[in-house]
mmCIF file of all heavy atoms, coordinates in Angstrom:
data_MODEL
# 
_entry.id   MODEL 
# 
loop_
_atom_site.group_PDB 
_atom_site.id 
_atom_site.type_symbol 
_atom_site.label_atom_id 
_atom_site.label_alt_id 
_atom_site.label_comp_id 
_atom_site.label_asym_id 
_atom_site.label_entity_id 
_atom_site.label_seq_id 
_atom_site.pdbx_PDB_ins_code 
_atom_site.Cartn_x 
_atom_site.Cartn_y 
_atom_site.Cartn_z 
_atom_site.occupancy 
_atom_site.B_iso_or_equiv 
_atom_site.pdbx_formal_charge 
_atom_site.auth_seq_id 
_atom_site.auth_comp_id 
_atom_site.auth_asym_id 
_atom_site.auth_atom_id 
_atom_site.pdbx_PDB_model_num 
ATOM 1   N N   . THR A 1 1  ? -6.175  14.131 -2.728 1.00 0.00 ? 1  THR A N   1 
ATOM 2   C CA  . THR A 1 1  ? -5.093  13.186 -2.498 1.00 0.00 ? 1  THR A CA  1 
ATOM 3   C C   . THR A 1 1  ? -5.171  12.660 -1.097 1.00 0.00 ? 1  THR A C   1 
ATOM 4   O O   . THR A 1 1  ? -4.948  11.412 -0.833 1.00 0.00 ? 1  THR A O   1 
ATOM 5   C CB  . THR A 1 1  ? -3.720  13.907 -2.728 1.00 0.00 ? 1  THR A CB  1 
ATOM 6   O OG1 . THR A 1 1  ? -3.732  14.558 -3.930 1.00 0.00 ? 1  THR A OG1 1 
ATOM 7   C CG2 . THR A 1 1  ? -2.589  12.932 -2.574 1.00 0.00 ? 1  THR A CG2 1 
ATOM 8   N N   . PHE A 1 2  ? -5.432  13.530 -0.128 1.00 0.00 ? 2  PHE A N   1 
ATOM 9   C CA  . PHE A 1 2  ? -5.547  13.119 1.250  1.00 0.00 ? 2  PHE A CA  1 
ATOM 10  C C   . PHE A 1 2  ? -6.844  13.655 1.947  1.00 0.00 ? 2  PHE A C   1 
ATOM 11  O O   . PHE A 1 2  ? -7.215  14.770 1.555  1.00 0.00 ? 2  PHE A O   1 
ATOM 12  C CB  . PHE A 1 2  ? -4.306  13.578 2.095  1.00 0.00 ? 2  PHE A CB  1 
ATOM 13  C CG  . PHE A 1 2  ? -3.036  12.908 1.694  1.00 0.00 ? 2  PHE A CG  1 
ATOM 14  C CD1 . PHE A 1 2  ? -2.137  13.551 0.847  1.00 0.00 ? 2  PHE A CD1 1 
ATOM 15  C CD2 . PHE A 1 2  ? -2.714  11.675 2.209  1.00 0.00 ? 2  PHE A CD2 1 
ATOM 16  C CE1 . PHE A 1 2  ? -0.970  12.950 0.513  1.00 0.00 ? 2  PHE A CE1 1 
ATOM 17  C CE2 . PHE A 1 2  ? -1.455  11.136 1.875  1.00 0.00 ? 2  PHE A CE2 1 
ATOM 18  C CZ  . PHE A 1 2  ? -0.608  11.647 1.018  1.00 0.00 ? 2  PHE A CZ  1 
ATOM 19  N N   . LEU A 1 3  ? -7.368  12.938 2.827  1.00 0.00 ? 3  LEU A N   1 
ATOM 20  C CA  . LEU A 1 3  ? -8.453  13.384 3.652  1.00 0.00 ? 3  LEU A CA  1 
ATOM 21  C C   . LEU A 1 3  ? -8.041  13.009 5.063  1.00 0.00 ? 3  LEU A C   1 
ATOM 22  O O   . LEU A 1 3  ? -7.603  11.885 5.309  1.00 0.00 ? 3  LEU A O   1 
ATOM 23  C CB  . LEU A 1 3  ? -9.830  12.690 3.302  1.00 0.00 ? 3  LEU A CB  1 
ATOM 24  C CG  . LEU A 1 3  ? -10.311 12.948 1.830  1.00 0.00 ? 3  LEU A CG  1 
ATOM 25  C CD1 . LEU A 1 3  ? -11.398 11.948 1.467  1.00 0.00 ? 3  LEU A CD1 1 
ATOM 26  C CD2 . LEU A 1 3  ? -10.858 14.405 1.745  1.00 0.00 ? 3  LEU A CD2 1 
ATOM 27  N N   . GLY A 1 4  ? -8.325  13.932 5.996  1.00 0.00 ? 4  GLY A N   1 
ATOM 28  C CA  . GLY A 1 4  ? -7.927  13.566 7.374  1.00 0.00 ? 4  GLY A CA  1 
ATOM 29  C C   . GLY A 1 4  ? -8.592  14.396 8.435  1.00 0.00 ? 4  GLY A C   1 
ATOM 30  O O   . GLY A 1 4  ? -9.391  15.328 8.151  1.00 0.00 ? 4  GLY A O   1 
ATOM 31  N N   . TRP A 1 5  ? -8.147  14.106 9.646  1.00 0.00 ? 5  TRP A N   1 
ATOM 32  C CA  . TRP A 1 5  ? -8.616  14.740 10.762 1.00 0.00 ? 5  TRP A CA  1 
ATOM 33  C C   . TRP A 1 5  ? -7.343  15.155 11.628 1.00 0.00 ? 5  TRP A C   1 
ATOM 34  O O   . TRP A 1 5  ? -6.509  14.377 11.864 1.00 0.00 ? 5  TRP A O   1 
ATOM 35  C CB  . TRP A 1 5  ? -9.565  13.850 11.633 1.00 0.00 ? 5  TRP A CB  1 
ATOM 36  C CG  . TRP A 1 5  ? -10.762 13.587 10.985 1.00 0.00 ? 5  TRP A CG  1 
ATOM 37  C CD1 . TRP A 1 5  ? -11.079 12.452 10.209 1.00 0.00 ? 5  TRP A CD1 1 
ATOM 38  C CD2 . TRP A 1 5  ? -12.069 14.287 11.092 1.00 0.00 ? 5  TRP A CD2 1 
ATOM 39  N NE1 . TRP A 1 5  ? -12.401 12.540 9.809  1.00 0.00 ? 5  TRP A NE1 1 
ATOM 40  C CE2 . TRP A 1 5  ? -12.996 13.677 10.390 1.00 0.00 ? 5  TRP A CE2 1 
ATOM 41  C CE3 . TRP A 1 5  ? -12.438 15.540 11.796 1.00 0.00 ? 5  TRP A CE3 1 
ATOM 42  C CZ2 . TRP A 1 5  ? -14.285 14.118 10.318 1.00 0.00 ? 5  TRP A CZ2 1 
ATOM 43  C CZ3 . TRP A 1 5  ? -13.629 15.925 11.708 1.00 0.00 ? 5  TRP A CZ3 1 
ATOM 44  C CH2 . TRP A 1 5  ? -14.579 15.281 10.957 1.00 0.00 ? 5  TRP A CH2 1 
ATOM 45  N N   . TYR A 1 6  ? -7.420  16.398 12.083 1.00 0.00 ? 6  TYR A N   1 
ATOM 46  C CA  . TYR A 1 6  ? -6.515  16.923 13.026 1.00 0.00 ? 6  TYR A CA  1 
ATOM 47  C C   . TYR A 1 6  ? -7.213  17.436 14.290 1.00 0.00 ? 6  TYR A C   1 
ATOM 48  O O   . TYR A 1 6  ? -8.449  17.524 14.208 1.00 0.00 ? 6  TYR A O   1 
ATOM 49  C CB  . TYR A 1 6  ? -5.708  18.143 12.456 1.00 0.00 ? 6  TYR A CB  1 
ATOM 50  C CG  . TYR A 1 6  ? -4.602  17.807 11.541 1.00 0.00 ? 6  TYR A CG  1 
ATOM 51  C CD1 . TYR A 1 6  ? -4.878  17.220 10.229 1.00 0.00 ? 6  TYR A CD1 1 
ATOM 52  C CD2 . TYR A 1 6  ? -3.289  18.045 11.858 1.00 0.00 ? 6  TYR A CD2 1 
ATOM 53  C CE1 . TYR A 1 6  ? -3.791  16.899 9.464  1.00 0.00 ? 6  TYR A CE1 1 
ATOM 54  C CE2 . TYR A 1 6  ? -2.236  17.797 10.990 1.00 0.00 ? 6  TYR A CE2 1 
ATOM 55  C CZ  . TYR A 1 6  ? -2.452  17.184 9.790  1.00 0.00 ? 6  TYR A CZ  1 
ATOM 56  O OH  . TYR A 1 6  ? -1.478  16.841 8.948  1.00 0.00 ? 6  TYR A OH  1 
ATOM 57  N N   . ARG A 1 7  ? -6.513  17.627 15.309 1.00 0.00 ? 7  ARG A N   1 
ATOM 58  C CA  . ARG A 1 7  ? -7.143  18.192 16.538 1.00 0.00 ? 7  ARG A CA  1 
ATOM 59  C C   . ARG A 1 7  ? -6.205  19.187 17.241 1.00 0.00 ? 7  ARG A C   1 
ATOM 60  O O   . ARG A 1 7  ? -4.966  19.144 17.023 1.00 0.00 ? 7  ARG A O   1 
ATOM 61  C CB  . ARG A 1 7  ? -7.560  17.112 17.507 1.00 0.00 ? 7  ARG A CB  1 
ATOM 62  C CG  . ARG A 1 7  ? -6.378  16.353 18.117 1.00 0.00 ? 7  ARG A CG  1 
ATOM 63  C CD  . ARG A 1 7  ? -6.921  15.217 18.999 1.00 0.00 ? 7  ARG A CD  1 
ATOM 64  N NE  . ARG A 1 7  ? -5.858  14.539 19.641 1.00 0.00 ? 7  ARG A NE  1 
ATOM 65  C CZ  . ARG A 1 7  ? -6.024  13.371 20.363 1.00 0.00 ? 7  ARG A CZ  1 
ATOM 66  N NH1 . ARG A 1 7  ? -7.235  12.750 20.469 1.00 0.00 ? 7  ARG A NH1 1 
ATOM 67  N NH2 . ARG A 1 7  ? -4.969  12.760 20.857 1.00 0.00 ? 7  ARG A NH2 1 
ATOM 68  N N   . GLN A 1 8  ? -6.817  20.126 17.947 1.00 0.00 ? 8  GLN A N   1 
ATOM 69  C CA  . GLN A 1 8  ? -6.079  21.080 18.677 1.00 0.00 ? 8  GLN A CA  1 
ATOM 70  C C   . GLN A 1 8  ? -6.616  21.310 20.037 1.00 0.00 ? 8  GLN A C   1 
ATOM 71  O O   . GLN A 1 8  ? -7.813  21.740 20.126 1.00 0.00 ? 8  GLN A O   1 
ATOM 72  C CB  . GLN A 1 8  ? -5.999  22.474 17.949 1.00 0.00 ? 8  GLN A CB  1 
ATOM 73  C CG  . GLN A 1 8  ? -4.978  23.404 18.512 1.00 0.00 ? 8  GLN A CG  1 
ATOM 74  C CD  . GLN A 1 8  ? -4.796  24.605 17.585 1.00 0.00 ? 8  GLN A CD  1 
ATOM 75  O OE1 . GLN A 1 8  ? -5.491  24.846 16.659 1.00 0.00 ? 8  GLN A OE1 1 
ATOM 76  N NE2 . GLN A 1 8  ? -3.662  25.244 17.785 1.00 0.00 ? 8  GLN A NE2 1 
ATOM 77  N N   . ALA A 1 9  ? -5.921  20.997 20.999 1.00 0.00 ? 9  ALA A N   1 
ATOM 78  C CA  . ALA A 1 9  ? -6.278  21.184 22.400 1.00 0.00 ? 9  ALA A CA  1 
ATOM 79  C C   . ALA A 1 9  ? -5.819  22.536 22.862 1.00 0.00 ? 9  ALA A C   1 
ATOM 80  O O   . ALA A 1 9  ? -4.857  23.146 22.307 1.00 0.00 ? 9  ALA A O   1 
ATOM 81  C CB  . ALA A 1 9  ? -5.686  20.089 23.314 1.00 0.00 ? 9  ALA A CB  1 
ATOM 82  N N   . PRO A 1 10 ? -6.502  23.072 23.845 1.00 0.00 ? 10 PRO A N   1 
ATOM 83  C CA  . PRO A 1 10 ? -6.066  24.466 24.344 1.00 0.00 ? 10 PRO A CA  1 
ATOM 84  C C   . PRO A 1 10 ? -4.685  24.477 24.702 1.00 0.00 ? 10 PRO A C   1 
ATOM 85  O O   . PRO A 1 10 ? -4.084  23.648 25.470 1.00 0.00 ? 10 PRO A O   1 
ATOM 86  C CB  . PRO A 1 10 ? -6.975  24.666 25.560 1.00 0.00 ? 10 PRO A CB  1 
ATOM 87  C CG  . PRO A 1 10 ? -8.145  23.799 25.376 1.00 0.00 ? 10 PRO A CG  1 
ATOM 88  C CD  . PRO A 1 10 ? -7.668  22.593 24.569 1.00 0.00 ? 10 PRO A CD  1 
ATOM 89  N N   . GLY A 1 11 ? -3.960  25.553 24.227 1.00 0.00 ? 11 GLY A N   1 
ATOM 90  C CA  . GLY A 1 11 ? -2.539  25.709 24.545 1.00 0.00 ? 11 GLY A CA  1 
ATOM 91  C C   . GLY A 1 11 ? -1.571  24.810 23.897 1.00 0.00 ? 11 GLY A C   1 
ATOM 92  O O   . GLY A 1 11 ? -0.330  24.770 24.090 1.00 0.00 ? 11 GLY A O   1 
ATOM 93  N N   . LYS A 1 12 ? -2.143  23.976 22.917 1.00 0.00 ? 12 LYS A N   1 
ATOM 94  C CA  . LYS A 1 12 ? -1.182  22.999 22.201 1.00 0.00 ? 12 LYS A CA  1 
ATOM 95  C C   . LYS A 1 12 ? -1.343  23.218 20.716 1.00 0.00 ? 12 LYS A C   1 
ATOM 96  O O   . LYS A 1 12 ? -2.230  23.870 20.162 1.00 0.00 ? 12 LYS A O   1 
ATOM 97  C CB  . LYS A 1 12 ? -1.670  21.627 22.593 1.00 0.00 ? 12 LYS A CB  1 
ATOM 98  C CG  . LYS A 1 12 ? -1.492  21.160 24.004 1.00 0.00 ? 12 LYS A CG  1 
ATOM 99  C CD  . LYS A 1 12 ? -1.667  19.700 24.237 1.00 0.00 ? 12 LYS A CD  1 
ATOM 100 C CE  . LYS A 1 12 ? -1.379  19.327 25.638 1.00 0.00 ? 12 LYS A CE  1 
ATOM 101 N NZ  . LYS A 1 12 ? -1.645  17.873 25.840 1.00 0.00 ? 12 LYS A NZ  1 
ATOM 102 N N   . GLN A 1 13 ? -0.368  22.673 20.049 1.00 0.00 ? 13 GLN A N   1 
ATOM 103 C CA  . GLN A 1 13 ? -0.337  22.798 18.583 1.00 0.00 ? 13 GLN A CA  1 
ATOM 104 C C   . GLN A 1 13 ? -1.327  21.820 17.974 1.00 0.00 ? 13 GLN A C   1 
ATOM 105 O O   . GLN A 1 13 ? -1.641  20.764 18.614 1.00 0.00 ? 13 GLN A O   1 
ATOM 106 C CB  . GLN A 1 13 ? 1.091   22.526 18.026 1.00 0.00 ? 13 GLN A CB  1 
ATOM 107 C CG  . GLN A 1 13 ? 2.032   23.589 18.286 1.00 0.00 ? 13 GLN A CG  1 
ATOM 108 C CD  . GLN A 1 13 ? 3.405   23.407 17.644 1.00 0.00 ? 13 GLN A CD  1 
ATOM 109 O OE1 . GLN A 1 13 ? 3.792   22.243 17.380 1.00 0.00 ? 13 GLN A OE1 1 
ATOM 110 N NE2 . GLN A 1 13 ? 4.068   24.417 17.295 1.00 0.00 ? 13 GLN A NE2 1 
ATOM 111 N N   . ARG A 1 14 ? -1.769  22.125 16.730 1.00 0.00 ? 14 ARG A N   1 
ATOM 112 C CA  . ARG A 1 14 ? -2.642  21.293 16.077 1.00 0.00 ? 14 ARG A CA  1 
ATOM 113 C C   . ARG A 1 14 ? -1.841  20.005 15.664 1.00 0.00 ? 14 ARG A C   1 
ATOM 114 O O   . ARG A 1 14 ? -0.653  20.034 15.248 1.00 0.00 ? 14 ARG A O   1 
ATOM 115 C CB  . ARG A 1 14 ? -3.157  21.886 14.785 1.00 0.00 ? 14 ARG A CB  1 
ATOM 116 C CG  . ARG A 1 14 ? -4.342  21.224 14.083 1.00 0.00 ? 14 ARG A CG  1 
ATOM 117 C CD  . ARG A 1 14 ? -4.862  22.095 12.971 1.00 0.00 ? 14 ARG A CD  1 
ATOM 118 N NE  . ARG A 1 14 ? -5.520  23.195 13.418 1.00 0.00 ? 14 ARG A NE  1 
ATOM 119 C CZ  . ARG A 1 14 ? -6.233  24.060 12.667 1.00 0.00 ? 14 ARG A CZ  1 
ATOM 120 N NH1 . ARG A 1 14 ? -6.468  23.727 11.373 1.00 0.00 ? 14 ARG A NH1 1 
ATOM 121 N NH2 . ARG A 1 14 ? -6.739  25.176 13.145 1.00 0.00 ? 14 ARG A NH2 1 
ATOM 122 N N   . GLU A 1 15 ? -2.467  18.845 15.930 1.00 0.00 ? 15 GLU A N   1 
ATOM 123 C CA  . GLU A 1 15 ? -1.750  17.571 15.597 1.00 0.00 ? 15 GLU A CA  1 
ATOM 124 C C   . GLU A 1 15 ? -2.650  16.672 14.697 1.00 0.00 ? 15 GLU A C   1 
ATOM 125 O O   . GLU A 1 15 ? -3.841  16.706 14.795 1.00 0.00 ? 15 GLU A O   1 
ATOM 126 C CB  . GLU A 1 15 ? -1.442  16.840 16.939 1.00 0.00 ? 15 GLU A CB  1 
ATOM 127 C CG  . GLU A 1 15 ? -2.652  16.455 17.781 1.00 0.00 ? 15 GLU A CG  1 
ATOM 128 C CD  . GLU A 1 15 ? -2.310  15.652 19.013 1.00 0.00 ? 15 GLU A CD  1 
ATOM 129 O OE1 . GLU A 1 15 ? -1.119  15.421 19.278 1.00 0.00 ? 15 GLU A OE1 1 
ATOM 130 O OE2 . GLU A 1 15 ? -3.269  15.240 19.710 1.00 0.00 ? 15 GLU A OE2 1 
ATOM 131 N N   . LEU A 1 16 ? -1.939  15.781 14.004 1.00 0.00 ? 16 LEU A N   1 
ATOM 132 C CA  . LEU A 1 16 ? -2.613  14.864 13.139 1.00 0.00 ? 16 LEU A CA  1 
ATOM 133 C C   . LEU A 1 16 ? -3.278  13.750 14.019 1.00 0.00 ? 16 LEU A C   1 
ATOM 134 O O   . LEU A 1 16 ? -2.660  13.277 14.966 1.00 0.00 ? 16 LEU A O   1 
ATOM 135 C CB  . LEU A 1 16 ? -1.548  14.172 12.194 1.00 0.00 ? 16 LEU A CB  1 
ATOM 136 C CG  . LEU A 1 16 ? -2.117  13.066 11.333 1.00 0.00 ? 16 LEU A CG  1 
ATOM 137 C CD1 . LEU A 1 16 ? -3.125  13.541 10.339 1.00 0.00 ? 16 LEU A CD1 1 
ATOM 138 C CD2 . LEU A 1 16 ? -0.944  12.268 10.681 1.00 0.00 ? 16 LEU A CD2 1 
ATOM 139 N N   . VAL A 1 17 ? -4.522  13.441 13.690 1.00 0.00 ? 17 VAL A N   1 
ATOM 140 C CA  . VAL A 1 17 ? -5.148  12.352 14.356 1.00 0.00 ? 17 VAL A CA  1 
ATOM 141 C C   . VAL A 1 17 ? -5.252  11.101 13.440 1.00 0.00 ? 17 VAL A C   1 
ATOM 142 O O   . VAL A 1 17 ? -4.857  10.057 13.780 1.00 0.00 ? 17 VAL A O   1 
ATOM 143 C CB  . VAL A 1 17 ? -6.631  12.781 14.707 1.00 0.00 ? 17 VAL A CB  1 
ATOM 144 C CG1 . VAL A 1 17 ? -7.446  11.600 15.347 1.00 0.00 ? 17 VAL A CG1 1 
ATOM 145 C CG2 . VAL A 1 17 ? -6.601  13.996 15.698 1.00 0.00 ? 17 VAL A CG2 1 
ATOM 146 N N   . ALA A 1 18 ? -5.720  11.332 12.243 1.00 0.00 ? 18 ALA A N   1 
ATOM 147 C CA  . ALA A 1 18 ? -5.865  10.217 11.248 1.00 0.00 ? 18 ALA A CA  1 
ATOM 148 C C   . ALA A 1 18 ? -5.926  10.747 9.853  1.00 0.00 ? 18 ALA A C   1 
ATOM 149 O O   . ALA A 1 18 ? -6.441  11.917 9.703  1.00 0.00 ? 18 ALA A O   1 
ATOM 150 C CB  . ALA A 1 18 ? -7.087  9.397  11.581 1.00 0.00 ? 18 ALA A CB  1 
ATOM 151 N N   . ILE A 1 19 ? -5.469  9.971  8.950  1.00 0.00 ? 19 ILE A N   1 
ATOM 152 C CA  . ILE A 1 19 ? -5.470  10.395 7.533  1.00 0.00 ? 19 ILE A CA  1 
ATOM 153 C C   . ILE A 1 19 ? -5.650  9.260  6.581  1.00 0.00 ? 19 ILE A C   1 
ATOM 154 O O   . ILE A 1 19 ? -5.232  8.060  6.981  1.00 0.00 ? 19 ILE A O   1 
ATOM 155 C CB  . ILE A 1 19 ? -4.118  11.187 7.247  1.00 0.00 ? 19 ILE A CB  1 
ATOM 156 C CG1 . ILE A 1 19 ? -4.286  12.025 5.929  1.00 0.00 ? 19 ILE A CG1 1 
ATOM 157 C CG2 . ILE A 1 19 ? -2.984  10.278 7.088  1.00 0.00 ? 19 ILE A CG2 1 
ATOM 158 C CD1 . ILE A 1 19 ? -3.228  13.054 5.781  1.00 0.00 ? 19 ILE A CD1 1 
ATOM 159 N N   . THR A 1 20 ? -6.280  9.370  5.490  1.00 0.00 ? 20 THR A N   1 
ATOM 160 C CA  . THR A 1 20 ? -6.429  8.393  4.483  1.00 0.00 ? 20 THR A CA  1 
ATOM 161 C C   . THR A 1 20 ? -6.133  9.039  3.151  1.00 0.00 ? 20 THR A C   1 
ATOM 162 O O   . THR A 1 20 ? -6.426  10.178 2.923  1.00 0.00 ? 20 THR A O   1 
ATOM 163 C CB  . THR A 1 20 ? -7.907  7.802  4.518  1.00 0.00 ? 20 THR A CB  1 
ATOM 164 O OG1 . THR A 1 20 ? -7.983  6.809  3.550  1.00 0.00 ? 20 THR A OG1 1 
ATOM 165 C CG2 . THR A 1 20 ? -8.899  8.913  4.290  1.00 0.00 ? 20 THR A CG2 1 
ATOM 166 N N   . ASN A 1 21 ? -5.548  8.250  2.302  1.00 0.00 ? 21 ASN A N   1 
ATOM 167 C CA  . ASN A 1 21 ? -5.180  8.750  0.978  1.00 0.00 ? 21 ASN A CA  1 
ATOM 168 C C   . ASN A 1 21 ? -6.196  8.173  -0.071 1.00 0.00 ? 21 ASN A C   1 
ATOM 169 O O   . ASN A 1 21 ? -7.006  7.371  0.225  1.00 0.00 ? 21 ASN A O   1 
ATOM 170 C CB  . ASN A 1 21 ? -3.711  8.465  0.599  1.00 0.00 ? 21 ASN A CB  1 
ATOM 171 C CG  . ASN A 1 21 ? -3.447  6.928  0.491  1.00 0.00 ? 21 ASN A CG  1 
ATOM 172 O OD1 . ASN A 1 21 ? -4.358  6.110  0.407  1.00 0.00 ? 21 ASN A OD1 1 
ATOM 173 N ND2 . ASN A 1 21 ? -2.163  6.601  0.490  1.00 0.00 ? 21 ASN A ND2 1 
ATOM 174 N N   . SER A 1 22 ? -5.888  8.583  -1.339 1.00 0.00 ? 22 SER A N   1 
ATOM 175 C CA  . SER A 1 22 ? -6.788  8.214  -2.406 1.00 0.00 ? 22 SER A CA  1 
ATOM 176 C C   . SER A 1 22 ? -6.816  6.691  -2.675 1.00 0.00 ? 22 SER A C   1 
ATOM 177 O O   . SER A 1 22 ? -7.746  6.165  -3.268 1.00 0.00 ? 22 SER A O   1 
ATOM 178 C CB  . SER A 1 22 ? -6.471  8.996  -3.628 1.00 0.00 ? 22 SER A CB  1 
ATOM 179 O OG  . SER A 1 22 ? -5.081  8.811  -4.033 1.00 0.00 ? 22 SER A OG  1 
ATOM 180 N N   . GLY A 1 23 ? -5.675  6.034  -2.186 1.00 0.00 ? 23 GLY A N   1 
ATOM 181 C CA  . GLY A 1 23 ? -5.599  4.637  -2.433 1.00 0.00 ? 23 GLY A CA  1 
ATOM 182 C C   . GLY A 1 23 ? -6.258  3.821  -1.218 1.00 0.00 ? 23 GLY A C   1 
ATOM 183 O O   . GLY A 1 23 ? -6.313  2.583  -1.372 1.00 0.00 ? 23 GLY A O   1 
ATOM 184 N N   . GLY A 1 24 ? -6.729  4.482  -0.292 1.00 0.00 ? 24 GLY A N   1 
ATOM 185 C CA  . GLY A 1 24 ? -7.408  3.869  0.821  1.00 0.00 ? 24 GLY A CA  1 
ATOM 186 C C   . GLY A 1 24 ? -6.522  3.535  2.030  1.00 0.00 ? 24 GLY A C   1 
ATOM 187 O O   . GLY A 1 24 ? -7.042  2.975  3.069  1.00 0.00 ? 24 GLY A O   1 
ATOM 188 N N   . SER A 1 25 ? -5.260  3.813  1.988  1.00 0.00 ? 25 SER A N   1 
ATOM 189 C CA  . SER A 1 25 ? -4.372  3.651  3.119  1.00 0.00 ? 25 SER A CA  1 
ATOM 190 C C   . SER A 1 25 ? -4.703  4.609  4.230  1.00 0.00 ? 25 SER A C   1 
ATOM 191 O O   . SER A 1 25 ? -5.233  5.681  3.930  1.00 0.00 ? 25 SER A O   1 
ATOM 192 C CB  . SER A 1 25 ? -2.890  3.769  2.637  1.00 0.00 ? 25 SER A CB  1 
ATOM 193 O OG  . SER A 1 25 ? -2.609  2.887  1.718  1.00 0.00 ? 25 SER A OG  1 
ATOM 194 N N   . THR A 1 26 ? -4.448  4.132  5.402  1.00 0.00 ? 26 THR A N   1 
ATOM 195 C CA  . THR A 1 26 ? -4.705  5.024  6.546  1.00 0.00 ? 26 THR A CA  1 
ATOM 196 C C   . THR A 1 26 ? -3.480  5.092  7.496  1.00 0.00 ? 26 THR A C   1 
ATOM 197 O O   . THR A 1 26 ? -2.657  4.222  7.474  1.00 0.00 ? 26 THR A O   1 
ATOM 198 C CB  . THR A 1 26 ? -5.931  4.498  7.347  1.00 0.00 ? 26 THR A CB  1 
ATOM 199 O OG1 . THR A 1 26 ? -5.679  3.165  7.766  1.00 0.00 ? 26 THR A OG1 1 
ATOM 200 C CG2 . THR A 1 26 ? -7.196  4.514  6.558  1.00 0.00 ? 26 THR A CG2 1 
ATOM 201 N N   . ASN A 1 27 ? -3.472  6.181  8.234  1.00 0.00 ? 27 ASN A N   1 
ATOM 202 C CA  . ASN A 1 27 ? -2.469  6.346  9.180  1.00 0.00 ? 27 ASN A CA  1 
ATOM 203 C C   . ASN A 1 27 ? -3.004  7.088  10.442 1.00 0.00 ? 27 ASN A C   1 
ATOM 204 O O   . ASN A 1 27 ? -3.878  7.926  10.247 1.00 0.00 ? 27 ASN A O   1 
ATOM 205 C CB  . ASN A 1 27 ? -1.286  7.161  8.588  1.00 0.00 ? 27 ASN A CB  1 
ATOM 206 C CG  . ASN A 1 27 ? -0.029  7.079  9.463  1.00 0.00 ? 27 ASN A CG  1 
ATOM 207 O OD1 . ASN A 1 27 ? 0.220   6.160  10.142 1.00 0.00 ? 27 ASN A OD1 1 
ATOM 208 N ND2 . ASN A 1 27 ? 0.808   8.145  9.447  1.00 0.00 ? 27 ASN A ND2 1 
# 
């Protein structure tokens, strides 16, 4: 349904970077 990338810097929470859904939309 979704494919995406998250990132986590030292001492910080994991955060969303970019995501795309099955319809091709991106955020």
